[in-house]
Amino acid sequence: FGVEEHEVLMDPGSFRDLMAIRRPLEHEAD
């Protein structure tokens, strides 16, 4: 998913804000 381990263990609200800015690699199309 293109994230760091410490990020995936963050508070869900903070993590959601992070993903809103930086979408996971899985979202990228080929």
Full PDB file with SEQRES, HELIX, SHEET, SSBOND, CRYST1, ORIGX, SCALE, CONECT and MASTER records, all heavy atoms in Angstrom:
SEQRES   1 A   30  PHE GLY VAL GLU GLU HIS GLU VAL LEU MET ASP PRO GLY          
SEQRES   2 A   30  SER PHE ARG ASP LEU MET ALA ILE ARG ARG PRO LEU GLU          
SEQRES   3 A   30  HIS GLU ALA ASP                                              
HELIX    1 AA1 GLU A    5  VAL A    8  1                                   4    
HELIX    2 AA2 PRO A   12  ILE A   21  1                                  10    
HELIX    3 AA3 LEU A   25  HIS A   27  5                                   3    
CRYST1    1.000    1.000    1.000  90.00  90.00  90.00 P 1           1          
ORIGX1      1.000000  0.000000  0.000000        0.00000                         
ORIGX2      0.000000  1.000000  0.000000        0.00000                         
ORIGX3      0.000000  0.000000  1.000000        0.00000                         
SCALE1      1.000000  0.000000  0.000000        0.00000                         
SCALE2      0.000000  1.000000  0.000000        0.00000                         
SCALE3      0.000000  0.000000  1.000000        0.00000                         
ATOM      1  N   PHE A   1       0.807  -1.221   0.000  1.00  0.00           N  
ATOM      2  CA  PHE A   1       0.000   0.000   0.000  1.00  0.00           C  
ATOM      3  C   PHE A   1       0.842   1.274   0.000  1.00  0.00           C  
ATOM      4  O   PHE A   1       0.303   2.378  -0.098  1.00  0.00           O  
ATOM      5  CB  PHE A   1      -0.929   0.010   1.217  1.00  0.00           C  
ATOM      6  CG  PHE A   1      -2.063  -0.982   1.118  1.00  0.00           C  
ATOM      7  CD1 PHE A   1      -2.086  -2.114   1.910  1.00  0.00           C  
ATOM      8  CD2 PHE A   1      -3.110  -0.776   0.226  1.00  0.00           C  
ATOM      9  CE1 PHE A   1      -3.130  -3.024   1.830  1.00  0.00           C  
ATOM     10  CE2 PHE A   1      -4.161  -1.676   0.128  1.00  0.00           C  
ATOM     11  CZ  PHE A   1      -4.170  -2.814   0.928  1.00  0.00           C  
ATOM     12  N   GLY A   2       2.167   1.123   0.114  1.00  0.00           N  
ATOM     13  CA  GLY A   2       3.033   2.291   0.079  1.00  0.00           C  
ATOM     14  C   GLY A   2       2.978   3.131   1.336  1.00  0.00           C  
ATOM     15  O   GLY A   2       3.032   4.366   1.270  1.00  0.00           O  
ATOM     16  N   VAL A   3       2.866   2.472   2.491  1.00  0.00           N  
ATOM     17  CA  VAL A   3       2.844   3.191   3.763  1.00  0.00           C  
ATOM     18  C   VAL A   3       3.941   2.637   4.666  1.00  0.00           C  
ATOM     19  O   VAL A   3       4.459   1.545   4.439  1.00  0.00           O  
ATOM     20  CB  VAL A   3       1.471   3.060   4.473  1.00  0.00           C  
ATOM     21  CG1 VAL A   3       0.377   3.680   3.633  1.00  0.00           C  
ATOM     22  CG2 VAL A   3       1.145   1.587   4.765  1.00  0.00           C  
ATOM     23  N   GLU A   4       4.290   3.417   5.699  1.00  0.00           N  
ATOM     24  CA  GLU A   4       5.261   2.971   6.689  1.00  0.00           C  
ATOM     25  C   GLU A   4       4.527   2.279   7.835  1.00  0.00           C  
ATOM     26  O   GLU A   4       3.338   2.539   8.087  1.00  0.00           O  
ATOM     27  CB  GLU A   4       6.053   4.165   7.233  1.00  0.00           C  
ATOM     28  CG  GLU A   4       6.842   4.925   6.174  1.00  0.00           C  
ATOM     29  CD  GLU A   4       7.971   4.102   5.594  1.00  0.00           C  
ATOM     30  OE1 GLU A   4       8.451   3.174   6.276  1.00  0.00           O  
ATOM     31  OE2 GLU A   4       8.370   4.386   4.445  1.00  0.00           O  
ATOM     32  N   GLU A   5       5.260   1.399   8.555  1.00  0.00           N  
ATOM     33  CA  GLU A   5       4.616   0.657   9.642  1.00  0.00           C  
ATOM     34  C   GLU A   5       4.101   1.591  10.731  1.00  0.00           C  
ATOM     35  O   GLU A   5       2.998   1.396  11.261  1.00  0.00           O  
ATOM     36  CB  GLU A   5       5.599  -0.351  10.235  1.00  0.00           C  
ATOM     37  CG  GLU A   5       4.963  -1.222  11.316  1.00  0.00           C  
ATOM     38  CD  GLU A   5       5.875  -2.319  11.803  1.00  0.00           C  
ATOM     39  OE1 GLU A   5       6.921  -2.560  11.166  1.00  0.00           O  
ATOM     40  OE2 GLU A   5       5.553  -2.943  12.837  1.00  0.00           O  
ATOM     41  N   HIS A   6       4.870   2.622  11.054  1.00  0.00           N  
ATOM     42  CA  HIS A   6       4.417   3.543  12.100  1.00  0.00           C  
ATOM     43  C   HIS A   6       3.171   4.309  11.661  1.00  0.00           C  
ATOM     44  O   HIS A   6       2.347   4.722  12.500  1.00  0.00           O  
ATOM     45  CB  HIS A   6       5.548   4.514  12.484  1.00  0.00           C  
ATOM     46  CG  HIS A   6       5.870   5.544  11.445  1.00  0.00           C  
ATOM     47  ND1 HIS A   6       5.216   6.747  11.355  1.00  0.00           N  
ATOM     48  CD2 HIS A   6       6.768   5.524  10.425  1.00  0.00           C  
ATOM     49  CE1 HIS A   6       5.711   7.447  10.345  1.00  0.00           C  
ATOM     50  NE2 HIS A   6       6.657   6.731   9.758  1.00  0.00           N  
ATOM     51  N   GLU A   7       3.006   4.472  10.343  1.00  0.00           N  
ATOM     52  CA  GLU A   7       1.826   5.180   9.844  1.00  0.00           C  
ATOM     53  C   GLU A   7       0.575   4.319   9.969  1.00  0.00           C  
ATOM     54  O   GLU A   7      -0.497   4.811  10.344  1.00  0.00           O  
ATOM     55  CB  GLU A   7       2.039   5.578   8.383  1.00  0.00           C  
ATOM     56  CG  GLU A   7       3.105   6.640   8.190  1.00  0.00           C  
ATOM     57  CD  GLU A   7       3.391   6.937   6.730  1.00  0.00           C  
ATOM     58  OE1 GLU A   7       3.097   6.063   5.864  1.00  0.00           O  
ATOM     59  OE2 GLU A   7       3.908   8.034   6.444  1.00  0.00           O  
ATOM     60  N   VAL A   8       0.696   3.026   9.654  1.00  0.00           N  
ATOM     61  CA  VAL A   8      -0.475   2.154   9.699  1.00  0.00           C  
ATOM     62  C   VAL A   8      -0.913   1.880  11.142  1.00  0.00           C  
ATOM     63  O   VAL A   8      -2.003   1.354  11.379  1.00  0.00           O  
ATOM     64  CB  VAL A   8      -0.185   0.834   8.941  1.00  0.00           C  
ATOM     65  CG1 VAL A   8       0.585  -0.151   9.803  1.00  0.00           C  
ATOM     66  CG2 VAL A   8      -1.473   0.198   8.427  1.00  0.00           C  
ATOM     67  N   LEU A   9      -0.076   2.285  12.116  1.00  0.00           N  
ATOM     68  CA  LEU A   9      -0.422   2.127  13.533  1.00  0.00           C  
ATOM     69  C   LEU A   9      -0.892   3.444  14.150  1.00  0.00           C  
ATOM     70  O   LEU A   9      -1.150   3.523  15.346  1.00  0.00           O  
ATOM     71  CB  LEU A   9       0.783   1.594  14.316  1.00  0.00           C  
ATOM     72  CG  LEU A   9       1.296   0.212  13.899  1.00  0.00           C  
ATOM     73  CD1 LEU A   9       2.534  -0.159  14.699  1.00  0.00           C  
ATOM     74  CD2 LEU A   9       0.214  -0.850  14.074  1.00  0.00           C  
ATOM     75  N   MET A  10      -1.018   4.476  13.317  1.00  0.00           N  
ATOM     76  CA  MET A  10      -1.445   5.798  13.809  1.00  0.00           C  
ATOM     77  C   MET A  10      -2.895   5.781  14.275  1.00  0.00           C  
ATOM     78  O   MET A  10      -3.655   4.850  13.986  1.00  0.00           O  
ATOM     79  CB  MET A  10      -1.300   6.846  12.680  1.00  0.00           C  
ATOM     80  CG  MET A  10       0.118   7.185  12.302  1.00  0.00           C  
ATOM     81  SD  MET A  10       0.169   8.216  10.783  1.00  0.00           S  
ATOM     82  CE  MET A  10      -0.794   9.650  11.298  1.00  0.00           C  
ATOM     83  N   ASP A  11      -3.287   6.840  14.975  1.00  0.00           N  
ATOM     84  CA  ASP A  11      -4.694   7.051  15.306  1.00  0.00           C  
ATOM     85  C   ASP A  11      -5.493   7.065  13.997  1.00  0.00           C  
ATOM     86  O   ASP A  11      -5.093   7.728  13.023  1.00  0.00           O  
ATOM     87  CB  ASP A  11      -4.845   8.390  16.027  1.00  0.00           C  
ATOM     88  CG  ASP A  11      -6.301   8.758  16.234  1.00  0.00           C  
ATOM     89  OD1 ASP A  11      -6.916   8.236  17.167  1.00  0.00           O  
ATOM     90  OD2 ASP A  11      -6.814   9.561  15.413  1.00  0.00           O  
ATOM     91  N   PRO A  12      -6.619   6.317  13.921  1.00  0.00           N  
ATOM     92  CA  PRO A  12      -7.384   6.216  12.669  1.00  0.00           C  
ATOM     93  C   PRO A  12      -7.777   7.552  12.057  1.00  0.00           C  
ATOM     94  O   PRO A  12      -7.771   7.706  10.837  1.00  0.00           O  
ATOM     95  CB  PRO A  12      -8.616   5.401  13.082  1.00  0.00           C  
ATOM     96  CG  PRO A  12      -8.127   4.563  14.219  1.00  0.00           C  
ATOM     97  CD  PRO A  12      -7.155   5.430  14.968  1.00  0.00           C  
ATOM     98  N   GLY A  13      -8.109   8.543  12.911  1.00  0.00           N  
ATOM     99  CA  GLY A  13      -8.472   9.842  12.366  1.00  0.00           C  
ATOM    100  C   GLY A  13      -7.303  10.505  11.670  1.00  0.00           C  
ATOM    101  O   GLY A  13      -7.443  11.051  10.563  1.00  0.00           O  
ATOM    102  N   SER A  14      -6.137  10.454  12.292  1.00  0.00           N  
ATOM    103  CA  SER A  14      -4.934  11.042  11.697  1.00  0.00           C  
ATOM    104  C   SER A  14      -4.532  10.277  10.445  1.00  0.00           C  
ATOM    105  O   SER A  14      -4.101  10.873   9.453  1.00  0.00           O  
ATOM    106  CB  SER A  14      -3.790  11.030  12.714  1.00  0.00           C  
ATOM    107  OG  SER A  14      -4.120  11.774  13.862  1.00  0.00           O  
ATOM    108  N   PHE A  15      -4.700   8.955  10.496  1.00  0.00           N  
ATOM    109  CA  PHE A  15      -4.330   8.137   9.344  1.00  0.00           C  
ATOM    110  C   PHE A  15      -5.249   8.426   8.163  1.00  0.00           C  
ATOM    111  O   PHE A  15      -4.809   8.500   7.013  1.00  0.00           O  
ATOM    112  CB  PHE A  15      -4.395   6.656   9.717  1.00  0.00           C  
ATOM    113  CG  PHE A  15      -3.911   5.737   8.640  1.00  0.00           C  
ATOM    114  CD1 PHE A  15      -2.556   5.664   8.314  1.00  0.00           C  
ATOM    115  CD2 PHE A  15      -4.796   4.934   7.930  1.00  0.00           C  
ATOM    116  CE1 PHE A  15      -2.102   4.813   7.314  1.00  0.00           C  
ATOM    117  CE2 PHE A  15      -4.354   4.078   6.930  1.00  0.00           C  
ATOM    118  CZ  PHE A  15      -2.996   4.021   6.624  1.00  0.00           C  
ATOM    119  N   ARG A  16      -6.535   8.631   8.451  1.00  0.00           N  
ATOM    120  CA  ARG A  16      -7.482   8.947   7.380  1.00  0.00           C  
ATOM    121  C   ARG A  16      -7.129  10.288   6.728  1.00  0.00           C  
ATOM    122  O   ARG A  16      -7.198  10.436   5.511  1.00  0.00           O  
ATOM    123  CB  ARG A  16      -8.905   8.973   7.936  1.00  0.00           C  
ATOM    124  CG  ARG A  16      -9.993   9.145   6.886  1.00  0.00           C  
ATOM    125  CD  ARG A  16     -11.375   9.073   7.524  1.00  0.00           C  
ATOM    126  NE  ARG A  16     -11.630   7.758   8.094  1.00  0.00           N  
ATOM    127  CZ  ARG A  16     -12.096   6.723   7.395  1.00  0.00           C  
ATOM    128  NH1 ARG A  16     -12.355   6.884   6.099  1.00  0.00           N  
ATOM    129  NH2 ARG A  16     -12.303   5.574   7.984  1.00  0.00           N  
ATOM    130  N   ASP A  17      -6.743  11.271   7.550  1.00  0.00           N  
ATOM    131  CA  ASP A  17      -6.331  12.566   7.010  1.00  0.00           C  
ATOM    132  C   ASP A  17      -5.090  12.413   6.136  1.00  0.00           C  
ATOM    133  O   ASP A  17      -4.981  13.046   5.074  1.00  0.00           O  
ATOM    134  CB  ASP A  17      -6.033  13.538   8.151  1.00  0.00           C  
ATOM    135  CG  ASP A  17      -7.291  13.947   8.908  1.00  0.00           C  
ATOM    136  OD1 ASP A  17      -8.394  13.787   8.348  1.00  0.00           O  
ATOM    137  OD2 ASP A  17      -7.149  14.403  10.070  1.00  0.00           O  
ATOM    138  N   LEU A  18      -4.165  11.565   6.571  1.00  0.00           N  
ATOM    139  CA  LEU A  18      -2.946  11.321   5.805  1.00  0.00           C  
ATOM    140  C   LEU A  18      -3.262  10.696   4.458  1.00  0.00           C  
ATOM    141  O   LEU A  18      -2.727  11.093   3.413  1.00  0.00           O  
ATOM    142  CB  LEU A  18      -1.995  10.420   6.596  1.00  0.00           C  
ATOM    143  CG  LEU A  18      -0.691  10.017   5.893  1.00  0.00           C  
ATOM    144  CD1 LEU A  18       0.197  11.236   5.677  1.00  0.00           C  
ATOM    145  CD2 LEU A  18       0.039   8.957   6.718  1.00  0.00           C  
ATOM    146  N   MET A  19      -4.164   9.717   4.457  1.00  0.00           N  
ATOM    147  CA  MET A  19      -4.511   9.017   3.213  1.00  0.00           C  
ATOM    148  C   MET A  19      -5.332   9.899   2.272  1.00  0.00           C  
ATOM    149  O   MET A  19      -5.326   9.689   1.062  1.00  0.00           O  
ATOM    150  CB  MET A  19      -5.282   7.727   3.522  1.00  0.00           C  
ATOM    151  CG  MET A  19      -4.447   6.641   4.183  1.00  0.00           C  
ATOM    152  SD  MET A  19      -3.047   6.095   3.148  1.00  0.00           S  
ATOM    153  CE  MET A  19      -1.680   6.995   3.909  1.00  0.00           C  
ATOM    154  N   ALA A  20      -6.037  10.877   2.823  1.00  0.00           N  
ATOM    155  CA  ALA A  20      -6.794  11.804   1.973  1.00  0.00           C  
ATOM    156  C   ALA A  20      -5.838  12.653   1.135  1.00  0.00           C  
ATOM    157  O   ALA A  20      -6.169  13.068   0.020  1.00  0.00           O  
ATOM    158  CB  ALA A  20      -7.685  12.697   2.826  1.00  0.00           C  
ATOM    159  N   ILE A  21      -4.657  12.895   1.686  1.00  0.00           N  
ATOM    160  CA  ILE A  21      -3.643  13.671   0.963  1.00  0.00           C  
ATOM    161  C   ILE A  21      -2.796  12.768   0.075  1.00  0.00           C  
ATOM    162  O   ILE A  21      -2.492  13.094  -1.066  1.00  0.00           O  
ATOM    163  CB  ILE A  21      -2.728  14.407   1.972  1.00  0.00           C  
ATOM    164  CG1 ILE A  21      -3.563  15.358   2.827  1.00  0.00           C  
ATOM    165  CG2 ILE A  21      -1.614  15.152   1.254  1.00  0.00           C  
ATOM    166  CD1 ILE A  21      -2.789  15.969   3.978  1.00  0.00           C  
ATOM    167  N   ARG A  22      -2.437  11.614   0.616  1.00  0.00           N  
ATOM    168  CA  ARG A  22      -1.542  10.703  -0.105  1.00  0.00           C  
ATOM    169  C   ARG A  22      -2.225   9.354  -0.250  1.00  0.00           C  
ATOM    170  O   ARG A  22      -2.185   8.504   0.631  1.00  0.00           O  
ATOM    171  CB  ARG A  22      -0.231  10.545   0.679  1.00  0.00           C  
ATOM    172  CG  ARG A  22       0.846   9.829  -0.106  1.00  0.00           C  
ATOM    173  CD  ARG A  22       2.007   9.481   0.812  1.00  0.00           C  
ATOM    174  NE  ARG A  22       1.660   8.402   1.715  1.00  0.00           N  
ATOM    175  CZ  ARG A  22       2.224   8.204   2.909  1.00  0.00           C  
ATOM    176  NH1 ARG A  22       3.108   9.059   3.373  1.00  0.00           N  
ATOM    177  NH2 ARG A  22       1.882   7.177   3.656  1.00  0.00           N  
ATOM    178  N   ARG A  23      -2.895   9.153  -1.377  1.00  0.00           N  
ATOM    179  CA  ARG A  23      -3.610   7.907  -1.607  1.00  0.00           C  
ATOM    180  C   ARG A  23      -2.647   6.727  -1.610  1.00  0.00           C  
ATOM    181  O   ARG A  23      -1.506   6.838  -2.044  1.00  0.00           O  
ATOM    182  CB  ARG A  23      -4.352   7.952  -2.950  1.00  0.00           C  
ATOM    183  CG  ARG A  23      -5.513   8.928  -2.972  1.00  0.00           C  
ATOM    184  CD  ARG A  23      -6.646   8.446  -2.061  1.00  0.00           C  
ATOM    185  NE  ARG A  23      -7.794   9.314  -2.135  1.00  0.00           N  
ATOM    186  CZ  ARG A  23      -8.821   9.123  -2.960  1.00  0.00           C  
ATOM    187  NH1 ARG A  23      -8.802   8.106  -3.805  1.00  0.00           N  
ATOM    188  NH2 ARG A  23      -9.848   9.938  -2.951  1.00  0.00           N  
ATOM    189  N   PRO A  24      -3.098   5.533  -1.174  1.00  0.00           N  
ATOM    190  CA  PRO A  24      -2.253   4.343  -1.217  1.00  0.00           C  
ATOM    191  C   PRO A  24      -1.838   3.994  -2.641  1.00  0.00           C  
ATOM    192  O   PRO A  24      -2.543   4.332  -3.605  1.00  0.00           O  
ATOM    193  CB  PRO A  24      -3.152   3.236  -0.635  1.00  0.00           C  
ATOM    194  CG  PRO A  24      -4.196   3.964   0.150  1.00  0.00           C  
ATOM    195  CD  PRO A  24      -4.406   5.266  -0.567  1.00  0.00           C  
ATOM    196  N   LEU A  25      -0.710   3.304  -2.786  1.00  0.00           N  
ATOM    197  CA  LEU A  25      -0.234   2.905  -4.116  1.00  0.00           C  
ATOM    198  C   LEU A  25      -1.246   2.023  -4.824  1.00  0.00           C  
ATOM    199  O   LEU A  25      -1.340   2.024  -6.038  1.00  0.00           O  
ATOM    200  CB  LEU A  25       1.099   2.154  -3.983  1.00  0.00           C  
ATOM    201  CG  LEU A  25       2.295   2.978  -3.516  1.00  0.00           C  
ATOM    202  CD1 LEU A  25       3.523   2.087  -3.434  1.00  0.00           C  
ATOM    203  CD2 LEU A  25       2.559   4.135  -4.464  1.00  0.00           C  
ATOM    204  N   GLU A  26      -2.009   1.264  -4.036  1.00  0.00           N  
ATOM    205  CA  GLU A  26      -2.993   0.365  -4.624  1.00  0.00           C  
ATOM    206  C   GLU A  26      -3.994   1.119  -5.488  1.00  0.00           C  
ATOM    207  O   GLU A  26      -4.539   0.573  -6.436  1.00  0.00           O  
ATOM    208  CB  GLU A  26      -3.726  -0.383  -3.496  1.00  0.00           C  
ATOM    209  CG  GLU A  26      -4.883  -1.270  -3.932  1.00  0.00           C  
ATOM    210  CD  GLU A  26      -4.439  -2.470  -4.721  1.00  0.00           C  
ATOM    211  OE1 GLU A  26      -3.231  -2.747  -4.760  1.00  0.00           O  
ATOM    212  OE2 GLU A  26      -5.309  -3.152  -5.307  1.00  0.00           O  
ATOM    213  N   HIS A  27      -4.200   2.384  -5.180  1.00  0.00           N  
ATOM    214  CA  HIS A  27      -5.185   3.179  -5.923  1.00  0.00           C  
ATOM    215  C   HIS A  27      -4.683   3.535  -7.320  1.00  0.00           C  
ATOM    216  O   HIS A  27      -5.478   3.832  -8.208  1.00  0.00           O  
ATOM    217  CB  HIS A  27      -5.500   4.452  -5.136  1.00  0.00           C  
ATOM    218  CG  HIS A  27      -6.552   5.310  -5.761  1.00  0.00           C  
ATOM    219  ND1 HIS A  27      -7.889   4.980  -5.735  1.00  0.00           N  
ATOM    220  CD2 HIS A  27      -6.456   6.483  -6.435  1.00  0.00           C  
ATOM    221  CE1 HIS A  27      -8.582   5.923  -6.364  1.00  0.00           C  
ATOM    222  NE2 HIS A  27      -7.750   6.834  -6.793  1.00  0.00           N  
ATOM    223  N   GLU A  28      -3.363   3.499  -7.510  1.00  0.00           N  
ATOM    224  CA  GLU A  28      -2.810   3.882  -8.804  1.00  0.00           C  
ATOM    225  C   GLU A  28      -3.129   2.827  -9.859  1.00  0.00           C  
ATOM    226  O   GLU A  28      -2.999   1.634  -9.624  1.00  0.00           O  
ATOM    227  CB  GLU A  28      -1.295   4.063  -8.678  1.00  0.00           C  
ATOM    228  CG  GLU A  28      -0.916   5.207  -7.750  1.00  0.00           C  
ATOM    229  CD  GLU A  28       0.576   5.375  -7.640  1.00  0.00           C  
ATOM    230  OE1 GLU A  28       1.310   4.602  -8.297  1.00  0.00           O  
ATOM    231  OE2 GLU A  28       1.020   6.259  -6.908  1.00  0.00           O  
ATOM    232  N   ALA A  29      -3.545   3.263 -11.013  1.00  0.00           N  
ATOM    233  CA  ALA A  29      -3.942   2.345 -12.079  1.00  0.00           C  
ATOM    234  C   ALA A  29      -2.751   1.997 -12.970  1.00  0.00           C  
ATOM    235  O   ALA A  29      -1.788   2.746 -13.065  1.00  0.00           O  
ATOM    236  CB  ALA A  29      -5.051   2.974 -12.920  1.00  0.00           C  
ATOM    237  N   ASP A  30      -2.850   0.856 -13.601  1.00  0.00           N  
ATOM    238  CA  ASP A  30      -1.860   0.414 -14.577  1.00  0.00           C  
ATOM    239  C   ASP A  30      -2.623   0.193 -15.883  1.00  0.00           C  
ATOM    240  O   ASP A  30      -3.058  -0.925 -16.165  1.00  0.00           O  
ATOM    241  CB  ASP A  30      -1.190  -0.876 -14.095  1.00  0.00           C  
ATOM    242  CG  ASP A  30      -0.211  -1.443 -15.120  1.00  0.00           C  
ATOM    243  OD1 ASP A  30       0.075  -0.744 -16.114  1.00  0.00           O  
ATOM    244  OD2 ASP A  30       0.258  -2.579 -14.939  1.00  0.00           O  
TER     245      ASP A  30                                                      
MASTER        0    0    0    3    0    0    0    6  244    1    0    3          
END                                                                             
